[in-house]
Amino acid sequence: MQTVQKLIDKLDLQPHPEGGYFKETYRSPFKINSEALGKNYDGNRNVSTCIYFMLTSETFSAFHKINQDEIWHFYTGSPISLHIISEEGEHSEILIGCEMDKNQVPQAVVNGGSYFAAKVTEANSYALVGCTVAPGFDFKDFYLPSQEELTAKFPKHKRLIEQFTRS
């Protein structure tokens, strides 16, 4: 796992509240006025933002949601299993990676308002991806629900929720 620490150091990654590590790499200088964004937003937002995001096999990205659409771009390492629960309670799983003959995709979109969580698929490994958010990310739009709250909202996904929340 020396590669993990080298990437953390080289890319100046920091711990992310959902799990894993991240660094913002781009924030558009252009802004969208709050009036144009609708009721789910408090304040103006940049047009888009982008981060590096790294997961290791020792952790996972816990279920969370943001108002915006988020596009995941695979760079290197183990494939990622991305779990999405829509507002209507439908679960889907996307494998993000470069082996398309194994049903992996190098890019995936999570629709704004959906809950999503992720983990690497291989033991003793890591994955480095990029995440682009539009309108741009702001922690005001980030929501990390409790296991209890998410299970009450989506009881049929209780097992999955238990795997991807931190009580």
N, C-alpha and C. Protein backbone atom coordinates (compact mmCIF):
# COMPACT_ATOMS: atom_id res chain seq x y z
N MET A 1 0.82 -1.20 0.00
CA MET A 1 0.00 0.00 0.00
C MET A 1 0.86 1.26 0.00
N GLN A 2 2.14 1.11 -0.35
CA GLN A 2 3.00 2.28 -0.47
C GLN A 2 2.47 3.23 -1.53
N THR A 3 1.87 2.68 -2.58
CA THR A 3 1.32 3.50 -3.66
C THR A 3 0.26 4.44 -3.12
N VAL A 4 -0.56 3.97 -2.19
CA VAL A 4 -1.62 4.80 -1.61
C VAL A 4 -1.00 6.02 -0.93
N GLN A 5 -0.03 5.80 -0.05
CA GLN A 5 0.58 6.93 0.65
C GLN A 5 1.29 7.87 -0.32
N LYS A 6 1.92 7.33 -1.35
CA LYS A 6 2.58 8.18 -2.34
C LYS A 6 1.56 9.07 -3.06
N LEU A 7 0.41 8.50 -3.41
CA LEU A 7 -0.63 9.29 -4.08
C LEU A 7 -1.21 10.34 -3.13
N ILE A 8 -1.44 9.96 -1.88
CA ILE A 8 -1.96 10.91 -0.89
C ILE A 8 -1.00 12.10 -0.78
N ASP A 9 0.30 11.80 -0.68
CA ASP A 9 1.30 12.86 -0.55
C ASP A 9 1.43 13.68 -1.84
N LYS A 10 1.56 13.00 -2.96
CA LYS A 10 1.78 13.67 -4.25
C LYS A 10 0.61 14.57 -4.63
N LEU A 11 -0.62 14.10 -4.40
CA LEU A 11 -1.81 14.85 -4.79
C LEU A 11 -2.35 15.72 -3.65
N ASP A 12 -1.68 15.68 -2.49
CA ASP A 12 -2.09 16.47 -1.32
C ASP A 12 -3.53 16.18 -0.93
N LEU A 13 -3.87 14.88 -0.87
CA LEU A 13 -5.23 14.47 -0.52
C LEU A 13 -5.46 14.58 0.98
N GLN A 14 -6.69 14.93 1.34
CA GLN A 14 -7.09 15.07 2.73
C GLN A 14 -8.26 14.13 3.02
N PRO A 15 -8.47 13.72 4.27
CA PRO A 15 -9.63 12.87 4.59
C PRO A 15 -10.95 13.57 4.23
N HIS A 16 -11.88 12.80 3.69
CA HIS A 16 -13.20 13.32 3.33
C HIS A 16 -14.21 12.85 4.38
N PRO A 17 -15.20 13.69 4.73
CA PRO A 17 -16.18 13.29 5.76
C PRO A 17 -16.96 12.01 5.42
N GLU A 18 -17.13 11.69 4.13
CA GLU A 18 -17.89 10.49 3.75
C GLU A 18 -17.00 9.24 3.77
N GLY A 19 -15.68 9.43 3.90
CA GLY A 19 -14.71 8.34 3.80
C GLY A 19 -13.79 8.60 2.63
N GLY A 20 -12.63 7.99 2.63
CA GLY A 20 -11.69 8.21 1.55
C GLY A 20 -10.93 9.52 1.70
N TYR A 21 -10.32 9.94 0.59
CA TYR A 21 -9.47 11.13 0.57
C TYR A 21 -9.84 11.97 -0.65
N PHE A 22 -9.62 13.27 -0.56
CA PHE A 22 -9.95 14.13 -1.69
C PHE A 22 -9.09 15.38 -1.73
N LYS A 23 -9.12 16.02 -2.90
CA LYS A 23 -8.54 17.35 -3.07
C LYS A 23 -9.30 18.03 -4.20
N GLU A 24 -9.76 19.22 -3.94
CA GLU A 24 -10.40 20.00 -5.01
C GLU A 24 -9.33 20.42 -6.01
N THR A 25 -9.60 20.18 -7.29
CA THR A 25 -8.63 20.52 -8.34
C THR A 25 -9.13 21.63 -9.26
N TYR A 26 -10.43 21.90 -9.21
CA TYR A 26 -10.99 22.94 -10.08
C TYR A 26 -12.24 23.52 -9.47
N ARG A 27 -12.38 24.83 -9.56
CA ARG A 27 -13.59 25.55 -9.17
C ARG A 27 -13.77 26.63 -10.21
N SER A 28 -14.83 26.52 -11.00
CA SER A 28 -15.10 27.49 -12.05
C SER A 28 -15.15 28.90 -11.48
N PRO A 29 -14.56 29.87 -12.17
CA PRO A 29 -14.64 31.25 -11.69
C PRO A 29 -16.03 31.87 -11.94
N PHE A 30 -16.83 31.21 -12.76
CA PHE A 30 -18.15 31.74 -13.09
C PHE A 30 -19.17 31.26 -12.06
N LYS A 31 -20.14 32.13 -11.76
CA LYS A 31 -21.15 31.83 -10.74
C LYS A 31 -22.55 31.76 -11.34
N ILE A 32 -23.39 30.97 -10.68
CA ILE A 32 -24.81 30.90 -10.98
C ILE A 32 -25.53 31.55 -9.80
N ASN A 33 -26.38 32.53 -10.09
CA ASN A 33 -27.12 33.21 -9.02
C ASN A 33 -28.12 32.26 -8.37
N SER A 34 -28.30 32.42 -7.07
CA SER A 34 -29.19 31.54 -6.31
C SER A 34 -30.61 31.54 -6.87
N GLU A 35 -31.07 32.65 -7.41
CA GLU A 35 -32.42 32.72 -7.97
C GLU A 35 -32.60 31.73 -9.12
N ALA A 36 -31.54 31.49 -9.86
CA ALA A 36 -31.60 30.58 -11.01
C ALA A 36 -31.47 29.11 -10.60
N LEU A 37 -31.04 28.86 -9.37
CA LEU A 37 -30.79 27.48 -8.93
C LEU A 37 -32.01 26.78 -8.35
N GLY A 38 -32.93 27.51 -7.81
CA GLY A 38 -34.11 26.89 -7.22
C GLY A 38 -34.03 26.77 -5.71
N LYS A 39 -35.08 26.21 -5.14
CA LYS A 39 -35.26 26.18 -3.68
C LYS A 39 -34.29 25.28 -2.93
N ASN A 40 -33.64 24.32 -3.59
CA ASN A 40 -32.73 23.41 -2.90
C ASN A 40 -31.37 24.03 -2.59
N TYR A 41 -31.13 25.25 -3.07
CA TYR A 41 -29.82 25.88 -2.90
C TYR A 41 -29.92 27.13 -2.05
N ASP A 42 -28.94 27.30 -1.19
CA ASP A 42 -28.84 28.48 -0.35
C ASP A 42 -27.60 29.26 -0.81
N GLY A 43 -27.80 30.27 -1.63
CA GLY A 43 -26.69 31.07 -2.11
C GLY A 43 -26.27 30.72 -3.52
N ASN A 44 -25.34 31.49 -4.03
CA ASN A 44 -24.81 31.29 -5.38
C ASN A 44 -23.91 30.06 -5.41
N ARG A 45 -23.71 29.50 -6.61
CA ARG A 45 -22.79 28.38 -6.79
C ARG A 45 -21.90 28.65 -8.00
N ASN A 46 -20.69 28.11 -7.94
CA ASN A 46 -19.83 28.11 -9.12
C ASN A 46 -20.48 27.23 -10.17
N VAL A 47 -20.14 27.45 -11.43
CA VAL A 47 -20.73 26.65 -12.50
C VAL A 47 -20.39 25.17 -12.33
N SER A 48 -19.15 24.86 -11.98
CA SER A 48 -18.78 23.46 -11.74
C SER A 48 -17.54 23.39 -10.85
N THR A 49 -17.32 22.21 -10.28
CA THR A 49 -16.13 21.93 -9.48
C THR A 49 -15.66 20.51 -9.81
N CYS A 50 -14.40 20.23 -9.47
CA CYS A 50 -13.86 18.89 -9.71
C CYS A 50 -12.89 18.55 -8.57
N ILE A 51 -12.88 17.27 -8.20
CA ILE A 51 -11.94 16.80 -7.17
C ILE A 51 -11.27 15.51 -7.62
N TYR A 52 -10.10 15.24 -7.01
CA TYR A 52 -9.56 13.89 -6.97
C TYR A 52 -10.25 13.23 -5.79
N PHE A 53 -10.57 11.95 -5.92
CA PHE A 53 -11.17 11.20 -4.81
C PHE A 53 -10.54 9.83 -4.79
N MET A 54 -10.03 9.40 -3.64
CA MET A 54 -9.40 8.09 -3.53
C MET A 54 -10.05 7.29 -2.42
N LEU A 55 -10.38 6.05 -2.75
CA LEU A 55 -10.85 5.09 -1.78
C LEU A 55 -9.82 3.99 -1.65
N THR A 56 -9.72 3.40 -0.47
CA THR A 56 -8.87 2.22 -0.27
C THR A 56 -9.76 1.09 0.20
N SER A 57 -9.23 -0.11 0.17
CA SER A 57 -10.00 -1.27 0.60
C SER A 57 -10.26 -1.25 2.11
N GLU A 58 -9.60 -0.37 2.84
CA GLU A 58 -9.82 -0.27 4.29
C GLU A 58 -11.03 0.58 4.65
N THR A 59 -11.60 1.27 3.68
CA THR A 59 -12.72 2.16 3.99
C THR A 59 -13.73 2.15 2.86
N PHE A 60 -14.74 2.97 2.99
CA PHE A 60 -15.77 3.10 1.95
C PHE A 60 -16.29 4.52 1.97
N SER A 61 -16.97 4.88 0.92
CA SER A 61 -17.66 6.16 0.86
C SER A 61 -19.07 5.91 1.37
N ALA A 62 -19.43 6.52 2.49
CA ALA A 62 -20.72 6.29 3.13
C ALA A 62 -21.86 6.93 2.32
N PHE A 63 -23.05 6.37 2.47
CA PHE A 63 -24.22 6.93 1.81
C PHE A 63 -24.36 8.41 2.17
N HIS A 64 -24.50 9.21 1.14
CA HIS A 64 -24.70 10.64 1.28
C HIS A 64 -25.43 11.13 0.05
N LYS A 65 -25.80 12.39 0.04
CA LYS A 65 -26.39 12.97 -1.16
C LYS A 65 -26.00 14.43 -1.26
N ILE A 66 -26.06 14.91 -2.49
CA ILE A 66 -25.89 16.33 -2.76
C ILE A 66 -27.00 16.75 -3.72
N ASN A 67 -27.23 18.03 -3.83
CA ASN A 67 -28.28 18.53 -4.72
C ASN A 67 -27.93 18.36 -6.20
N GLN A 68 -26.65 18.41 -6.51
CA GLN A 68 -26.18 18.44 -7.88
C GLN A 68 -25.96 17.05 -8.47
N ASP A 69 -25.89 17.00 -9.80
CA ASP A 69 -25.42 15.80 -10.47
C ASP A 69 -23.92 15.68 -10.22
N GLU A 70 -23.44 14.45 -10.06
CA GLU A 70 -22.01 14.21 -9.87
C GLU A 70 -21.55 13.17 -10.88
N ILE A 71 -20.49 13.51 -11.60
CA ILE A 71 -19.93 12.61 -12.62
C ILE A 71 -18.63 12.04 -12.07
N TRP A 72 -18.55 10.70 -12.05
CA TRP A 72 -17.35 10.00 -11.60
C TRP A 72 -16.52 9.60 -12.82
N HIS A 73 -15.19 9.84 -12.74
CA HIS A 73 -14.25 9.51 -13.82
C HIS A 73 -13.18 8.59 -13.24
N PHE A 74 -13.02 7.41 -13.81
CA PHE A 74 -12.03 6.46 -13.30
C PHE A 74 -10.64 6.81 -13.83
N TYR A 75 -9.63 6.76 -12.92
CA TYR A 75 -8.24 7.02 -13.32
C TYR A 75 -7.37 5.77 -13.21
N THR A 76 -7.30 5.19 -11.99
CA THR A 76 -6.40 4.06 -11.81
C THR A 76 -6.77 3.27 -10.56
N GLY A 77 -6.28 2.03 -10.50
CA GLY A 77 -6.48 1.18 -9.34
C GLY A 77 -7.59 0.17 -9.55
N SER A 78 -8.17 -0.25 -8.45
CA SER A 78 -9.24 -1.24 -8.44
C SER A 78 -10.54 -0.61 -8.95
N PRO A 79 -11.38 -1.40 -9.57
CA PRO A 79 -12.72 -0.88 -9.92
C PRO A 79 -13.48 -0.49 -8.64
N ILE A 80 -14.44 0.37 -8.82
CA ILE A 80 -15.30 0.84 -7.72
C ILE A 80 -16.72 0.35 -7.96
N SER A 81 -17.33 -0.13 -6.90
CA SER A 81 -18.75 -0.47 -6.91
C SER A 81 -19.49 0.74 -6.33
N LEU A 82 -20.28 1.40 -7.17
CA LEU A 82 -21.02 2.59 -6.78
C LEU A 82 -22.49 2.21 -6.61
N HIS A 83 -23.01 2.40 -5.41
CA HIS A 83 -24.41 2.08 -5.10
C HIS A 83 -25.22 3.37 -5.04
N ILE A 84 -26.36 3.38 -5.71
CA ILE A 84 -27.22 4.56 -5.78
C ILE A 84 -28.62 4.16 -5.36
N ILE A 85 -29.21 4.95 -4.47
CA ILE A 85 -30.62 4.80 -4.13
C ILE A 85 -31.31 6.11 -4.52
N SER A 86 -32.23 6.01 -5.47
CA SER A 86 -32.94 7.21 -5.94
C SER A 86 -33.91 7.68 -4.86
N GLU A 87 -34.42 8.89 -5.02
CA GLU A 87 -35.42 9.42 -4.09
C GLU A 87 -36.65 8.52 -4.02
N GLU A 88 -36.93 7.81 -5.11
CA GLU A 88 -38.07 6.88 -5.15
C GLU A 88 -37.76 5.54 -4.51
N GLY A 89 -36.51 5.34 -4.09
CA GLY A 89 -36.13 4.11 -3.39
C GLY A 89 -35.61 3.01 -4.29
N GLU A 90 -35.32 3.32 -5.56
CA GLU A 90 -34.77 2.31 -6.47
C GLU A 90 -33.26 2.23 -6.31
N HIS A 91 -32.76 1.00 -6.14
CA HIS A 91 -31.32 0.78 -6.00
C HIS A 91 -30.71 0.39 -7.33
N SER A 92 -29.54 0.95 -7.63
CA SER A 92 -28.77 0.51 -8.79
C SER A 92 -27.30 0.46 -8.38
N GLU A 93 -26.55 -0.36 -9.09
CA GLU A 93 -25.12 -0.50 -8.83
C GLU A 93 -24.39 -0.34 -10.16
N ILE A 94 -23.33 0.46 -10.13
CA ILE A 94 -22.51 0.70 -11.32
C ILE A 94 -21.08 0.31 -10.96
N LEU A 95 -20.42 -0.44 -11.83
CA LEU A 95 -19.01 -0.75 -11.66
C LEU A 95 -18.20 0.25 -12.48
N ILE A 96 -17.38 1.03 -11.79
CA ILE A 96 -16.58 2.05 -12.45
C ILE A 96 -15.15 1.52 -12.56
N GLY A 97 -14.66 1.42 -13.78
CA GLY A 97 -13.33 0.92 -14.05
C GLY A 97 -13.06 0.96 -15.54
N CYS A 98 -11.98 0.35 -15.96
CA CYS A 98 -11.59 0.40 -17.37
C CYS A 98 -11.79 -0.91 -18.13
N GLU A 99 -12.25 -1.95 -17.47
CA GLU A 99 -12.43 -3.24 -18.15
C GLU A 99 -13.88 -3.36 -18.61
N MET A 100 -14.16 -2.77 -19.76
CA MET A 100 -15.54 -2.72 -20.24
C MET A 100 -16.10 -4.09 -20.58
N ASP A 101 -15.22 -5.06 -20.89
CA ASP A 101 -15.69 -6.42 -21.14
C ASP A 101 -16.15 -7.11 -19.85
N LYS A 102 -15.90 -6.47 -18.70
CA LYS A 102 -16.37 -6.98 -17.40
C LYS A 102 -17.47 -6.08 -16.84
N ASN A 103 -18.20 -5.41 -17.73
CA ASN A 103 -19.32 -4.54 -17.38
C ASN A 103 -18.92 -3.33 -16.54
N GLN A 104 -17.68 -2.89 -16.68
CA GLN A 104 -17.24 -1.68 -16.01
C GLN A 104 -17.38 -0.50 -16.98
N VAL A 105 -17.60 0.67 -16.43
CA VAL A 105 -17.65 1.89 -17.23
C VAL A 105 -16.61 2.87 -16.69
N PRO A 106 -15.94 3.63 -17.56
CA PRO A 106 -14.93 4.56 -17.07
C PRO A 106 -15.52 5.85 -16.51
N GLN A 107 -16.83 6.03 -16.71
CA GLN A 107 -17.48 7.26 -16.27
C GLN A 107 -18.92 6.93 -15.90
N ALA A 108 -19.44 7.57 -14.83
CA ALA A 108 -20.81 7.33 -14.41
C ALA A 108 -21.38 8.60 -13.79
N VAL A 109 -22.69 8.77 -13.93
CA VAL A 109 -23.37 9.95 -13.39
C VAL A 109 -24.31 9.54 -12.26
N VAL A 110 -24.25 10.26 -11.15
CA VAL A 110 -25.21 10.13 -10.06
C VAL A 110 -26.10 11.36 -10.13
N ASN A 111 -27.39 11.14 -10.29
CA ASN A 111 -28.32 12.26 -10.37
C ASN A 111 -28.43 12.97 -9.03
N GLY A 112 -28.50 14.28 -9.06
CA GLY A 112 -28.66 15.07 -7.86
C GLY A 112 -29.86 14.61 -7.05
N GLY A 113 -29.72 14.59 -5.73
CA GLY A 113 -30.80 14.18 -4.85
C GLY A 113 -30.81 12.69 -4.54
N SER A 114 -30.01 11.91 -5.27
CA SER A 114 -29.90 10.47 -4.99
C SER A 114 -28.89 10.25 -3.87
N TYR A 115 -29.10 9.21 -3.08
CA TYR A 115 -28.12 8.80 -2.08
C TYR A 115 -27.14 7.86 -2.75
N PHE A 116 -25.85 8.00 -2.44
CA PHE A 116 -24.88 7.10 -3.06
C PHE A 116 -23.72 6.80 -2.13
N ALA A 117 -23.14 5.62 -2.36
CA ALA A 117 -22.03 5.11 -1.56
C ALA A 117 -21.14 4.28 -2.47
N ALA A 118 -19.89 4.05 -2.06
CA ALA A 118 -18.96 3.33 -2.94
C ALA A 118 -17.90 2.60 -2.14
N LYS A 119 -17.33 1.58 -2.80
CA LYS A 119 -16.18 0.87 -2.24
C LYS A 119 -15.37 0.29 -3.39
N VAL A 120 -14.09 0.04 -3.12
CA VAL A 120 -13.27 -0.65 -4.12
C VAL A 120 -13.66 -2.12 -4.11
N THR A 121 -13.49 -2.79 -5.24
CA THR A 121 -13.95 -4.18 -5.35
C THR A 121 -12.88 -5.21 -5.01
N GLU A 122 -11.63 -4.80 -4.90
CA GLU A 122 -10.54 -5.75 -4.65
C GLU A 122 -9.90 -5.50 -3.29
N ALA A 123 -9.51 -6.58 -2.62
CA ALA A 123 -8.83 -6.48 -1.33
C ALA A 123 -7.45 -5.87 -1.51
N ASN A 124 -6.95 -5.23 -0.47
CA ASN A 124 -5.61 -4.64 -0.47
C ASN A 124 -5.36 -3.77 -1.69
N SER A 125 -6.30 -2.90 -1.98
CA SER A 125 -6.18 -2.06 -3.17
C SER A 125 -6.72 -0.66 -2.90
N TYR A 126 -6.74 0.11 -3.96
CA TYR A 126 -7.23 1.48 -3.90
C TYR A 126 -7.81 1.82 -5.27
N ALA A 127 -8.53 2.92 -5.33
CA ALA A 127 -9.01 3.46 -6.60
C ALA A 127 -8.87 4.97 -6.54
N LEU A 128 -8.39 5.53 -7.63
CA LEU A 128 -8.31 6.98 -7.78
C LEU A 128 -9.26 7.38 -8.89
N VAL A 129 -10.18 8.27 -8.55
CA VAL A 129 -11.16 8.76 -9.51
C VAL A 129 -11.20 10.28 -9.44
N GLY A 130 -11.92 10.87 -10.37
CA GLY A 130 -12.24 12.28 -10.32
C GLY A 130 -13.75 12.41 -10.21
N CYS A 131 -14.22 13.43 -9.55
CA CYS A 131 -15.65 13.69 -9.44
C CYS A 131 -15.90 15.14 -9.85
N THR A 132 -16.76 15.31 -10.84
CA THR A 132 -17.13 16.63 -11.32
C THR A 132 -18.57 16.89 -10.92
N VAL A 133 -18.82 18.07 -10.36
CA VAL A 133 -20.15 18.43 -9.85
C VAL A 133 -20.59 19.72 -10.53
N ALA A 134 -21.85 19.72 -11.00
CA ALA A 134 -22.42 20.91 -11.61
C ALA A 134 -23.89 21.03 -11.23
N PRO A 135 -24.36 22.19 -10.79
CA PRO A 135 -23.58 23.36 -10.38
C PRO A 135 -22.53 22.96 -9.33
N GLY A 136 -21.54 23.79 -9.16
CA GLY A 136 -20.40 23.47 -8.33
C GLY A 136 -20.75 23.08 -6.90
N PHE A 137 -19.91 22.21 -6.36
CA PHE A 137 -20.11 21.68 -5.01
C PHE A 137 -19.92 22.77 -3.96
N ASP A 138 -20.75 22.68 -2.94
CA ASP A 138 -20.62 23.48 -1.73
C ASP A 138 -21.04 22.56 -0.59
N PHE A 139 -20.32 22.58 0.52
CA PHE A 139 -20.67 21.69 1.63
C PHE A 139 -22.08 21.97 2.17
N LYS A 140 -22.67 23.11 1.84
CA LYS A 140 -24.07 23.37 2.22
C LYS A 140 -25.00 22.36 1.54
N ASP A 141 -24.56 21.78 0.43
CA ASP A 141 -25.39 20.85 -0.35
C ASP A 141 -25.13 19.39 0.03
N PHE A 142 -24.20 19.14 0.91
CA PHE A 142 -23.77 17.79 1.30
C PHE A 142 -24.58 17.32 2.50
N TYR A 143 -25.15 16.12 2.39
CA TYR A 143 -25.93 15.56 3.50
C TYR A 143 -25.52 14.12 3.73
N LEU A 144 -25.08 13.82 4.95
CA LEU A 144 -24.62 12.49 5.36
C LEU A 144 -25.60 11.97 6.41
N PRO A 145 -26.61 11.19 5.98
CA PRO A 145 -27.64 10.74 6.93
C PRO A 145 -27.14 9.65 7.86
N SER A 146 -27.83 9.50 8.97
CA SER A 146 -27.51 8.41 9.89
C SER A 146 -28.07 7.10 9.32
N GLN A 147 -27.54 5.99 9.81
CA GLN A 147 -28.03 4.67 9.42
C GLN A 147 -29.51 4.55 9.75
N GLU A 148 -29.89 5.01 10.91
CA GLU A 148 -31.28 4.93 11.36
C GLU A 148 -32.21 5.72 10.43
N GLU A 149 -31.82 6.92 10.09
CA GLU A 149 -32.65 7.76 9.22
C GLU A 149 -32.81 7.15 7.83
N LEU A 150 -31.70 6.68 7.26
CA LEU A 150 -31.75 6.13 5.91
C LEU A 150 -32.53 4.80 5.87
N THR A 151 -32.38 3.99 6.90
CA THR A 151 -33.13 2.73 6.98
C THR A 151 -34.63 3.00 7.13
N ALA A 152 -35.00 4.02 7.89
CA ALA A 152 -36.42 4.37 8.03
C ALA A 152 -36.99 4.83 6.69
N LYS A 153 -36.19 5.53 5.91
CA LYS A 153 -36.63 6.03 4.61
C LYS A 153 -36.71 4.92 3.56
N PHE A 154 -35.75 3.99 3.60
CA PHE A 154 -35.66 2.92 2.60
C PHE A 154 -35.50 1.56 3.31
N PRO A 155 -36.52 1.07 4.01
CA PRO A 155 -36.37 -0.16 4.80
C PRO A 155 -35.99 -1.38 3.96
N LYS A 156 -36.41 -1.44 2.70
CA LYS A 156 -36.07 -2.62 1.89
C LYS A 156 -34.58 -2.70 1.57
N HIS A 157 -33.84 -1.62 1.81
CA HIS A 157 -32.39 -1.61 1.55
C HIS A 157 -31.57 -1.63 2.85
N LYS A 158 -32.19 -2.14 3.92
CA LYS A 158 -31.55 -2.12 5.24
C LYS A 158 -30.15 -2.73 5.23
N ARG A 159 -29.99 -3.91 4.64
CA ARG A 159 -28.67 -4.57 4.63
C ARG A 159 -27.61 -3.73 3.94
N LEU A 160 -27.97 -3.18 2.79
CA LEU A 160 -27.04 -2.34 2.03
C LEU A 160 -26.68 -1.09 2.83
N ILE A 161 -27.67 -0.48 3.43
CA ILE A 161 -27.46 0.73 4.23
C ILE A 161 -26.53 0.44 5.41
N GLU A 162 -26.70 -0.72 6.05
CA GLU A 162 -25.83 -1.09 7.17
C GLU A 162 -24.37 -1.23 6.72
N GLN A 163 -24.16 -1.70 5.49
CA GLN A 163 -22.80 -1.87 4.97
C GLN A 163 -22.12 -0.55 4.66
N PHE A 164 -22.93 0.48 4.35
CA PHE A 164 -22.37 1.74 3.85
C PHE A 164 -22.74 2.96 4.69
N THR A 165 -22.93 2.77 5.99
CA THR A 165 -23.10 3.89 6.91
C THR A 165 -22.24 3.64 8.14
N ARG A 166 -21.99 4.69 8.85
CA ARG A 166 -21.18 4.59 10.08
C ARG A 166 -22.04 4.93 11.28
N SER A 167 -23.06 4.14 11.49
CA SER A 167 -24.03 4.31 12.59
C SER A 167 -24.34 5.75 12.74
